[in-house]
């Protein structure tokens, strides 16, 4: 009897030390649902609390999914804490209502509500560590669950012994113990616990895996399937750690530009990376643009095909108004959709200064009677024009539907859209390039081209110089 208890305690401590889960003097929340796993977890932590100087605080969430049974679990948890003189935080949440409102499954909704509760209590109490009762059987079920739904390496890694969630350290000290080991421990320690009848309901996929699929696999394919799946998760976690390190080194090499809701990757450099890293590099870029978005395999496969076909232009929408595009030599991630672009329009008078807050630029208009343009012509942030062709005030704005422009050297108007294409102006610049307009005519596409109608010639007697500087 003592040997079984000692064996469980030794395995528990081995896991804690191996993964550096606890330090002496730690304060931690312990999730206690009332089931044997969470009761066993708390008892093990309670046994070492004096030697490790641990400050334990129980958290229990009533999911309100099983009527009176849910309330009984709450009563049990409160009495459990009271008997041991341990503080407890309890919260009742109508998970079914939350699932309906957020269009989630009950399992997903329950998980989100629990995590939010843990976060709230951790912030209130100033605790940064949460102990959870997941064990080896849970790990095996999670791996199978994700395989059946379709997953990559990160999904196969399943639950980590120690993970971070929004600044909280989530530790799983039972992750290397099997369910039977925990049940034996709880039995030998004569610990009371609750039975959740919903764990037997096979309408939940995870329960079908637990009660039907795994027993079938154990009986006909591998009697140690749980160990095999748990070992797979651990091996994959090690591989992922190596890949993450490689991604951290490669990622800065493929970045060309970061700006607000824009992230630009160097297409050539991206394609030079090992194929195993490309998907993950793009995943990292997506996460940087929008932590709530995911690059799933479907989107990656479509994007990969476009890269393989060497398409010069291609665009795919991921989620939350985030798009990924190929434009010649660049891969462009953009958070803001085109219809969200804010139009701007300012007036510039001769001798005045105007600040364009959307661009972070200030423009100045000055008149000259001598030919200064030969010096300034090399600076594309400065434009020299025939002053006598201008009508003031000048309008500075971004593009509008139907805009036309007469580029330097042409004797006819061209659609601004076609001009941008011919000059290979990236899409992320098209809607933000300031256009200078006089009498309804665009006379300067800032930094790109001046209009042939407003150019300086040998007949020009007075000159307009428009210069810019950052705000």
Protein backbone atom coordinates (compact mmCIF):
# COMPACT_ATOMS: atom_id res chain seq x y z
CA UNK A 1 0.00 0.00 0.00
CA UNK A 2 2.74 2.42 1.01
CA UNK A 3 4.74 1.46 -2.07
CA UNK A 4 1.90 2.50 -4.39
CA UNK A 5 1.60 5.86 -2.67
CA UNK A 6 5.35 6.35 -2.69
CA UNK A 7 5.49 5.38 -6.37
CA UNK A 8 2.90 8.02 -7.30
CA UNK A 9 4.62 10.66 -5.17
CA UNK A 10 8.02 9.82 -6.67
CA UNK A 11 6.64 10.03 -10.22
CA UNK A 12 4.94 13.32 -9.37
CA UNK A 13 8.15 14.82 -7.93
CA UNK A 14 10.19 13.49 -10.83
CA UNK A 15 7.92 15.32 -13.28
CA UNK A 16 7.99 18.51 -11.20
CA UNK A 17 11.79 18.53 -11.03
CA UNK A 18 12.37 17.38 -14.63
CA UNK A 19 10.33 20.26 -16.03
CA UNK A 20 11.27 22.80 -13.35
CA UNK A 21 7.57 23.30 -12.54
CA UNK A 22 7.97 24.56 -8.98
CA UNK A 23 10.37 26.60 -6.94
CA UNK A 24 10.46 26.80 -3.17
CA UNK A 25 8.22 29.60 -1.98
CA UNK A 26 5.87 29.45 -4.98
CA UNK A 27 2.27 30.59 -4.79
CA UNK A 28 -0.08 28.78 -7.11
CA UNK A 29 -3.68 28.31 -8.04
CA UNK A 30 -4.77 24.67 -8.08
CA UNK A 31 -7.75 23.83 -10.28
CA UNK A 32 -9.98 21.44 -8.34
CA UNK A 33 -13.08 20.22 -10.15
CA UNK A 34 -13.83 17.61 -7.51
CA UNK A 35 -12.89 14.62 -9.67
CA UNK A 36 -10.17 12.10 -8.70
CA UNK A 37 -7.49 13.70 -10.89
CA UNK A 38 -7.77 17.18 -9.38
CA UNK A 39 -8.21 15.83 -5.85
CA UNK A 40 -5.13 13.63 -6.29
CA UNK A 41 -3.16 16.58 -7.70
CA UNK A 42 -4.05 18.82 -4.78
CA UNK A 43 -3.22 16.10 -2.23
CA UNK A 44 0.22 15.59 -3.75
CA UNK A 45 0.91 19.33 -3.68
CA UNK A 46 -0.46 19.51 -0.13
CA UNK A 47 1.95 16.79 0.97
CA UNK A 48 5.01 18.72 -0.21
CA UNK A 49 3.75 22.19 0.72
CA UNK A 50 5.81 22.44 3.93
CA UNK A 51 9.12 21.28 2.45
CA UNK A 52 8.63 23.44 -0.65
CA UNK A 53 7.08 26.39 1.26
CA UNK A 54 4.12 26.42 -1.14
CA UNK A 55 1.17 28.78 -0.84
CA UNK A 56 -1.83 26.95 -2.31
CA UNK A 57 -5.12 28.51 -3.42
CA UNK A 58 -7.95 26.37 -4.86
CA UNK A 59 -10.01 27.55 -7.84
CA UNK A 60 -13.28 25.86 -8.80
CA UNK A 61 -15.60 26.79 -11.66
CA UNK A 62 -19.22 25.65 -11.70
CA UNK A 63 -20.07 25.18 -15.41
CA UNK A 64 -23.83 24.96 -14.67
CA UNK A 65 -24.10 22.17 -17.26
CA UNK A 66 -25.40 19.33 -15.07
CA UNK A 67 -27.96 21.07 -12.89
CA UNK A 68 -27.85 19.89 -9.29
CA UNK A 69 -24.81 17.69 -9.94
CA UNK A 70 -22.76 20.78 -10.85
CA UNK A 71 -23.86 22.48 -7.62
CA UNK A 72 -22.92 19.36 -5.63
CA UNK A 73 -19.41 19.47 -7.16
CA UNK A 74 -19.13 23.08 -6.01
CA UNK A 75 -20.29 22.21 -2.49
CA UNK A 76 -17.73 19.36 -2.40
CA UNK A 77 -14.89 21.67 -3.50
CA UNK A 78 -15.83 24.29 -0.91
CA UNK A 79 -15.96 21.69 1.89
CA UNK A 80 -12.70 20.14 0.65
CA UNK A 81 -10.98 23.53 0.95
CA UNK A 82 -12.59 24.31 4.31
CA UNK A 83 -11.52 20.99 5.86
CA UNK A 84 -7.91 21.62 4.80
CA UNK A 85 -8.09 25.32 5.77
CA UNK A 86 -7.06 26.32 2.24
CA UNK A 87 -8.50 29.45 0.54
CA UNK A 88 -10.80 28.84 -2.42
CA UNK A 89 -12.26 30.94 -5.24
CA UNK A 90 -15.50 29.79 -6.86
CA UNK A 91 -17.31 31.09 -9.92
CA UNK A 92 -20.59 30.03 -11.53
CA UNK A 93 -20.74 30.43 -15.31
CA UNK A 94 -23.62 29.56 -17.63
CA UNK A 95 -21.32 27.84 -20.13
CA UNK A 96 -24.19 26.72 -22.37
CA UNK A 97 -25.26 30.35 -22.85
CA UNK A 98 -21.68 31.40 -23.56
CA UNK A 99 -21.27 28.56 -26.08
CA UNK A 100 -24.44 29.64 -27.89
CA UNK A 101 -23.50 33.33 -27.92
CA UNK A 102 -19.94 32.67 -29.14
CA UNK A 103 -20.94 29.80 -31.46
CA UNK A 104 -18.58 27.36 -29.76
CA UNK A 105 -18.89 23.73 -28.77
CA UNK A 106 -19.57 23.13 -25.08
CA UNK A 107 -16.03 21.82 -24.63
CA UNK A 108 -14.45 24.88 -26.25
CA UNK A 109 -16.71 27.25 -24.33
CA UNK A 110 -15.95 25.55 -21.00
CA UNK A 111 -12.22 25.77 -21.66
CA UNK A 112 -12.39 29.49 -22.55
CA UNK A 113 -14.45 30.28 -19.46
CA UNK A 114 -12.09 28.35 -17.18
CA UNK A 115 -9.01 30.09 -18.55
CA UNK A 116 -10.61 33.50 -18.18
CA UNK A 117 -11.56 32.66 -14.57
CA UNK A 118 -8.00 31.53 -13.81
CA UNK A 119 -6.64 34.75 -15.30
CA UNK A 120 -9.02 36.93 -13.27
CA UNK A 121 -8.13 35.20 -10.01
CA UNK A 122 -4.41 35.17 -10.76
CA UNK A 123 -4.47 38.93 -11.36
CA UNK A 124 -6.57 39.56 -8.24
CA UNK A 125 -4.30 37.48 -6.01
CA UNK A 126 -0.99 38.32 -7.67
CA UNK A 127 -0.31 34.67 -8.54
CA UNK A 128 1.31 33.71 -11.86
CA UNK A 129 1.16 29.89 -11.75
CA UNK A 130 -1.77 27.47 -12.18
CA UNK A 131 -1.60 23.70 -11.52
CA UNK A 132 -3.86 21.53 -13.70
CA UNK A 133 -4.74 17.84 -13.29
CA UNK A 134 -4.10 16.59 -16.84
CA UNK A 135 -2.45 13.15 -16.94
CA UNK A 136 -0.95 10.76 -19.50
CA UNK A 137 -4.35 9.40 -20.58
CA UNK A 138 -5.54 12.95 -21.26
CA UNK A 139 -2.42 13.51 -23.33
CA UNK A 140 -3.05 10.37 -25.41
CA UNK A 141 -6.69 11.37 -25.97
CA UNK A 142 -5.65 14.87 -27.02
CA UNK A 143 -3.16 13.55 -29.58
CA UNK A 144 -5.76 11.19 -31.09
CA UNK A 145 -8.41 13.92 -31.03
CA UNK A 146 -6.15 16.26 -33.00
CA UNK A 147 -5.07 13.57 -35.47
CA UNK A 148 -8.70 12.84 -36.25
CA UNK A 149 -9.46 16.52 -36.80
CA UNK A 150 -6.33 17.03 -38.88
CA UNK A 151 -3.26 18.62 -37.37
CA UNK A 152 0.38 19.45 -37.92
CA UNK A 153 3.39 19.03 -35.66
CA UNK A 154 2.26 21.71 -33.23
CA UNK A 155 -1.02 19.91 -32.71
CA UNK A 156 0.76 16.61 -32.18
CA UNK A 157 2.81 18.25 -29.46
CA UNK A 158 -0.51 18.38 -27.58
CA UNK A 159 -0.28 19.52 -23.95
CA UNK A 160 3.09 20.68 -22.70
CA UNK A 161 4.13 19.90 -19.12
CA UNK A 162 4.67 23.66 -18.72
CA UNK A 163 3.01 26.20 -21.00
CA UNK A 164 2.37 29.92 -21.02
CA UNK A 165 -1.06 31.48 -21.53
CA UNK A 166 -1.30 35.25 -21.47
CA UNK A 167 1.45 35.52 -18.88
CA UNK A 168 0.18 32.63 -16.76
CA UNK A 169 2.41 29.60 -16.25
CA UNK A 170 0.23 26.49 -16.60
CA UNK A 171 1.86 23.43 -15.00
CA UNK A 172 0.72 19.79 -15.32
CA UNK A 173 2.49 17.76 -12.61
CA UNK A 174 0.47 14.58 -13.40
CA UNK A 175 1.23 14.56 -17.13
CA UNK A 176 3.55 11.54 -16.83
CA UNK A 177 1.18 9.49 -14.63
CA UNK A 178 -1.54 7.23 -16.03
CA UNK A 179 -5.13 7.54 -14.88
CA UNK A 180 -4.97 4.16 -13.12
CA UNK A 181 -1.93 5.32 -11.12
CA UNK A 182 -3.90 8.35 -9.90
CA UNK A 183 -6.98 6.26 -9.05
CA UNK A 184 -4.79 3.85 -7.07
CA UNK A 185 -3.18 6.75 -5.22
CA UNK A 186 -6.54 8.35 -4.37
CA UNK A 187 -7.87 4.97 -3.21
CA UNK A 188 -4.89 4.23 -0.96
CA UNK A 189 -5.03 7.73 0.50
CA UNK A 190 -8.78 7.25 1.13
CA UNK A 191 -9.60 10.54 -0.54
CA UNK A 192 -13.22 11.38 -1.35
CA UNK A 193 -14.04 12.72 -4.80
CA UNK A 194 -16.95 13.36 -7.17
CA UNK A 195 -17.93 11.38 -10.25
CA UNK A 196 -18.86 13.43 -13.30
CA UNK A 197 -21.52 11.40 -15.12
CA UNK A 198 -21.09 13.51 -18.28
CA UNK A 199 -17.63 11.93 -18.73
CA UNK A 200 -19.46 8.76 -19.76
CA UNK A 201 -21.63 10.43 -22.41
CA UNK A 202 -20.41 9.40 -25.85
CA UNK A 203 -22.08 12.35 -27.60
CA UNK A 204 -18.83 14.18 -26.87
CA UNK A 205 -16.05 13.24 -29.28
CA UNK A 206 -13.38 13.16 -26.59
CA UNK A 207 -15.48 10.69 -24.57
CA UNK A 208 -15.90 8.46 -27.63
CA UNK A 209 -12.14 8.44 -28.02
CA UNK A 210 -11.71 7.57 -24.33
CA UNK A 211 -14.37 4.87 -24.05
CA UNK A 212 -14.42 3.37 -27.53
CA UNK A 213 -11.41 4.16 -29.72
CA UNK A 214 -8.57 3.79 -27.21
CA UNK A 215 -9.89 0.47 -25.80
CA UNK A 216 -10.15 -0.83 -29.37
CA UNK A 217 -6.59 0.25 -30.12
CA UNK A 218 -5.34 -1.31 -26.87
CA UNK A 219 -7.14 -4.57 -27.56
CA UNK A 220 -6.34 -5.11 -31.23
CA UNK A 221 -3.29 -2.96 -32.08
CA UNK A 222 -1.10 -1.88 -29.19
CA UNK A 223 -1.76 -2.59 -25.49
CA UNK A 224 0.48 0.37 -24.64
CA UNK A 225 -1.09 2.83 -27.07
CA UNK A 226 -1.44 5.51 -24.37
CA UNK A 227 2.30 5.43 -23.73
CA UNK A 228 3.01 5.47 -27.47
CA UNK A 229 0.81 8.53 -28.05
CA UNK A 230 2.15 10.36 -25.00
CA UNK A 231 5.73 9.60 -26.09
CA UNK A 232 4.89 10.91 -29.57
CA UNK A 233 3.70 14.19 -28.04
CA UNK A 234 6.91 14.49 -26.02
CA UNK A 235 9.16 13.74 -29.01
CA UNK A 236 7.30 16.24 -31.19
CA UNK A 237 7.61 18.87 -28.46
CA UNK A 238 11.40 18.46 -28.56
CA UNK A 239 11.40 18.72 -32.37
CA UNK A 240 9.24 21.85 -32.20
CA UNK A 241 11.65 23.46 -29.76
CA UNK A 242 14.44 22.96 -32.31
CA UNK A 243 12.26 24.30 -35.15
CA UNK A 244 11.25 27.33 -33.07
CA UNK A 245 14.91 28.12 -32.52
CA UNK A 246 15.57 27.87 -36.28
CA UNK A 247 12.56 30.11 -37.00
CA UNK A 248 13.81 32.75 -34.55
CA UNK A 249 17.11 32.88 -36.44
CA UNK A 250 15.58 32.90 -39.93
CA UNK A 251 12.65 35.25 -39.37
CA UNK A 252 14.60 38.55 -39.26
CA UNK A 253 16.33 37.58 -42.52
CA UNK A 254 13.08 37.42 -44.50
CA UNK A 255 11.57 40.67 -43.16
CA UNK A 256 11.80 43.65 -45.49
CA UNK A 257 9.52 46.16 -43.79
CA UNK A 258 7.19 46.57 -40.82
CA UNK A 259 4.73 49.44 -40.75
CA UNK A 260 1.52 49.67 -38.73
CA UNK A 261 -0.88 47.19 -40.35
CA UNK A 262 1.67 46.04 -42.91
CA UNK A 263 4.39 43.39 -42.91
CA UNK A 264 6.52 42.74 -45.99
CA UNK A 265 8.69 39.65 -46.53
CA UNK A 266 11.44 39.24 -49.10
CA UNK A 267 10.08 36.65 -51.50
CA UNK A 268 13.49 35.45 -52.73
CA UNK A 269 14.88 35.11 -49.20
CA UNK A 270 11.69 33.36 -48.09
CA UNK A 271 12.02 30.77 -50.86
CA UNK A 272 15.65 30.16 -49.92
CA UNK A 273 14.57 28.88 -46.51
CA UNK A 274 14.16 25.10 -45.99
CA UNK A 275 10.67 24.03 -46.96
CA UNK A 276 9.98 22.83 -43.41
CA UNK A 277 10.45 26.40 -42.17
CA UNK A 278 8.44 28.33 -44.77
CA UNK A 279 5.02 27.41 -43.43
CA UNK A 280 6.11 28.23 -39.89
CA UNK A 281 7.75 31.51 -40.91
CA UNK A 282 4.51 32.61 -42.54
CA UNK A 283 2.59 31.42 -39.48
CA UNK A 284 4.82 33.61 -37.31
CA UNK A 285 4.23 36.57 -39.62
CA UNK A 286 0.46 36.04 -39.44
CA UNK A 287 0.62 35.88 -35.63
CA UNK A 288 2.67 39.08 -35.54
CA UNK A 289 0.04 40.85 -37.62
CA UNK A 290 -2.93 39.45 -35.71
CA UNK A 291 -2.47 37.22 -32.61
CA UNK A 292 -6.08 36.03 -33.04
CA UNK A 293 -5.55 34.73 -36.58
CA UNK A 294 -4.20 31.34 -37.64
CA UNK A 295 -2.66 30.23 -40.92
CA UNK A 296 -4.28 26.86 -41.49
CA UNK A 297 -3.01 24.20 -43.87
CA UNK A 298 -5.63 24.97 -46.54
CA UNK A 299 -4.51 28.59 -46.87
CA UNK A 300 -0.86 27.60 -46.77
CA UNK A 301 -1.34 24.96 -49.47
CA UNK A 302 -3.07 27.49 -51.76
CA UNK A 303 -0.35 30.05 -51.14
CA UNK A 304 2.41 27.49 -51.63
CA UNK A 305 0.98 26.54 -55.03
CA UNK A 306 1.07 30.20 -56.09
CA UNK A 307 4.73 30.38 -55.04
CA UNK A 308 5.57 27.17 -56.92
CA UNK A 309 3.84 28.51 -60.06
CA UNK A 310 5.91 31.69 -59.68
CA UNK A 311 2.82 33.88 -59.94
CA UNK A 312 3.76 37.56 -60.02
CA UNK A 313 0.57 38.62 -58.28
CA UNK A 314 -1.63 36.57 -55.96
CA UNK A 315 -3.77 37.31 -52.93
CA UNK A 316 -5.53 35.19 -50.32
CA UNK A 317 -7.56 36.25 -47.27
CA UNK A 318 -6.80 34.46 -44.01
CA UNK A 319 -9.05 35.90 -41.28
CA UNK A 320 -9.98 39.08 -39.43
CA UNK A 321 -9.35 41.27 -42.49
CA UNK A 322 -5.84 39.85 -42.84
CA UNK A 323 -4.62 39.12 -46.36
CA UNK A 324 -1.40 37.61 -47.72
CA UNK A 325 -0.33 38.63 -51.20
CA UNK A 326 2.48 38.00 -53.65
CA UNK A 327 3.59 41.08 -55.54
CA UNK A 328 6.58 40.42 -57.75
CA UNK A 329 9.52 40.30 -55.32
CA UNK A 330 7.54 40.64 -52.10
CA UNK A 331 5.16 38.74 -49.86
CA UNK A 332 2.79 41.23 -48.26
CA UNK A 333 0.68 40.70 -45.15
CA UNK A 334 -1.90 43.41 -44.68
CA UNK A 335 -4.33 43.75 -41.80
CA UNK A 336 -6.43 46.54 -43.20
CA UNK A 337 -8.81 45.82 -46.07
CA UNK A 338 -8.98 48.19 -49.02
CA UNK A 339 -12.46 49.41 -48.11
CA UNK A 340 -11.15 50.47 -44.71
CA UNK A 341 -8.63 52.90 -46.19
CA UNK A 342 -9.37 56.40 -44.91
CA UNK A 343 -9.45 59.12 -47.52
CA UNK A 344 -7.57 62.30 -46.75
CA UNK A 345 -7.60 65.73 -48.39
CA UNK A 346 -5.66 68.89 -47.49
CA UNK A 347 -5.17 72.35 -49.00
CA UNK A 348 -1.74 73.87 -49.67
CA UNK A 349 -1.29 77.57 -50.44
CA UNK A 350 1.80 79.23 -51.83
CA UNK A 351 4.24 80.09 -49.02
CA UNK A 352 2.38 77.86 -46.54
CA UNK A 353 3.13 74.61 -44.77
CA UNK A 354 0.64 71.76 -44.33
CA UNK A 355 0.90 68.69 -42.14
CA UNK A 356 -0.51 65.38 -43.46
CA UNK A 357 -1.10 63.48 -40.22
CA UNK A 358 -2.05 60.24 -42.02
CA UNK A 359 1.38 60.12 -43.65
CA UNK A 360 3.53 61.78 -41.02
CA UNK A 361 4.76 64.34 -43.56
CA UNK A 362 4.84 68.13 -43.81
CA UNK A 363 4.80 69.87 -47.22
CA UNK A 364 5.94 73.39 -48.09
CA UNK A 365 5.19 75.36 -51.30
CA UNK A 366 7.71 78.05 -52.34
CA UNK A 367 8.08 80.25 -55.44
CA UNK A 368 11.42 80.99 -57.16
CA UNK A 369 12.42 83.18 -60.08
CA UNK A 370 15.66 81.34 -60.81
CA UNK A 371 16.46 77.82 -61.99
CA UNK A 372 17.09 75.87 -58.77
CA UNK A 373 15.56 72.67 -60.09
CA UNK A 374 18.80 71.14 -61.40
CA UNK A 375 19.97 70.59 -57.84
CA UNK A 376 16.61 69.45 -56.47
CA UNK A 377 15.64 67.17 -59.34
CA UNK A 378 17.56 64.27 -57.84
CA UNK A 379 15.44 64.37 -54.69
CA UNK A 380 12.14 62.56 -55.28
CA UNK A 381 10.70 63.99 -52.07
CA UNK A 382 10.94 67.42 -53.68
CA UNK A 383 9.08 68.47 -56.84
CA UNK A 384 9.86 71.39 -59.19
CA UNK A 385 7.05 72.69 -61.43
CA UNK A 386 6.11 75.55 -63.72
CA UNK A 387 4.46 77.97 -61.32
CA UNK A 388 2.45 79.79 -64.01
CA UNK A 389 0.56 76.58 -64.84
CA UNK A 390 -0.65 76.22 -61.24
CA UNK A 391 -3.85 77.47 -59.68
CA UNK A 392 -3.87 77.89 -55.91
CA UNK A 393 -4.80 76.54 -53.49
CA UNK A 394 -3.39 73.12 -54.37
CA UNK A 395 -5.15 69.99 -53.13
CA UNK A 396 -3.22 67.12 -51.56
CA UNK A 397 -5.20 63.86 -51.34
CA UNK A 398 -4.99 60.11 -51.84
CA UNK A 399 -6.39 58.35 -54.89
CA UNK A 400 -10.02 58.22 -55.90
CA UNK A 401 -11.91 55.98 -58.28
CA UNK A 402 -11.48 57.14 -61.91
CA UNK A 403 -8.30 59.18 -61.36
CA UNK A 404 -6.19 59.87 -64.48
CA UNK A 405 -2.65 61.20 -64.80
CA UNK A 406 -0.40 62.35 -67.65
CA UNK A 407 3.09 60.99 -66.89
CA UNK A 408 6.20 62.85 -67.92
CA UNK A 409 6.94 62.28 -71.62
CA UNK A 410 3.38 61.27 -72.57
CA UNK A 411 0.96 63.51 -74.49
CA UNK A 412 -2.21 61.85 -73.21
CA UNK A 413 -3.84 60.89 -69.92
CA UNK A 414 -3.48 57.43 -68.45
CA UNK A 415 -5.62 55.78 -65.83
CA UNK A 416 -3.83 56.21 -62.52
CA UNK A 417 -4.48 52.53 -61.82
CA UNK A 418 -2.64 51.54 -65.03
CA UNK A 419 0.17 53.98 -64.24
CA UNK A 420 0.67 52.35 -60.83
CA UNK A 421 0.81 48.92 -62.46
CA UNK A 422 3.34 50.08 -65.07
CA UNK A 423 5.53 51.58 -62.34
CA UNK A 424 5.14 48.47 -60.18
CA UNK A 425 3.79 50.46 -57.25
CA UNK A 426 3.00 47.95 -54.45
CA UNK A 427 -0.64 47.71 -53.44
CA UNK A 428 0.15 48.78 -49.87
CA UNK A 429 1.40 52.16 -51.21
CA UNK A 430 -1.29 52.82 -53.83
CA UNK A 431 -3.96 54.06 -51.46
CA UNK A 432 -1.62 56.15 -49.34
CA UNK A 433 0.51 57.92 -51.95
CA UNK A 434 -0.21 61.66 -51.77
CA UNK A 435 -1.41 63.13 -55.05
CA UNK A 436 -1.02 66.86 -55.78
CA UNK A 437 -3.93 68.34 -57.71
CA UNK A 438 -4.36 71.70 -59.46
CA UNK A 439 -7.61 72.64 -61.21
CA UNK A 440 -8.66 68.98 -61.00
CA UNK A 441 -5.46 67.72 -62.69
CA UNK A 442 -2.98 65.51 -60.85
CA UNK A 443 0.38 67.21 -61.40
CA UNK A 444 2.52 65.11 -59.05
CA UNK A 445 2.40 61.55 -57.77
CA UNK A 446 4.60 62.16 -54.77
CA UNK A 447 7.96 60.43 -54.92
CA UNK A 448 7.14 58.77 -58.26
CA UNK A 449 6.45 61.12 -61.21
CA UNK A 450 5.44 64.66 -62.19
CA UNK A 451 2.86 65.41 -64.84
CA UNK A 452 4.00 66.35 -68.34
CA UNK A 453 1.54 69.27 -68.32
CA UNK A 454 3.23 70.96 -65.36
CA UNK A 455 6.87 70.22 -66.16
CA UNK A 456 9.57 72.88 -66.30
CA UNK A 457 10.63 73.87 -69.84
CA UNK A 458 12.99 76.44 -71.36
CA UNK A 459 10.02 78.83 -71.42
CA UNK A 460 9.44 78.58 -67.66
CA UNK A 461 9.99 81.96 -65.96
CA UNK A 462 8.74 81.21 -62.43
CA UNK A 463 9.24 78.02 -60.51
CA UNK A 464 7.24 76.20 -57.82
CA UNK A 465 9.11 73.97 -55.42
CA UNK A 466 7.15 71.64 -53.14
CA UNK A 467 9.37 70.01 -50.53
CA UNK A 468 8.62 67.61 -47.72
CA UNK A 469 9.97 66.56 -44.35
CA UNK A 470 8.95 64.00 -41.74
CA UNK A 471 6.80 65.22 -38.85
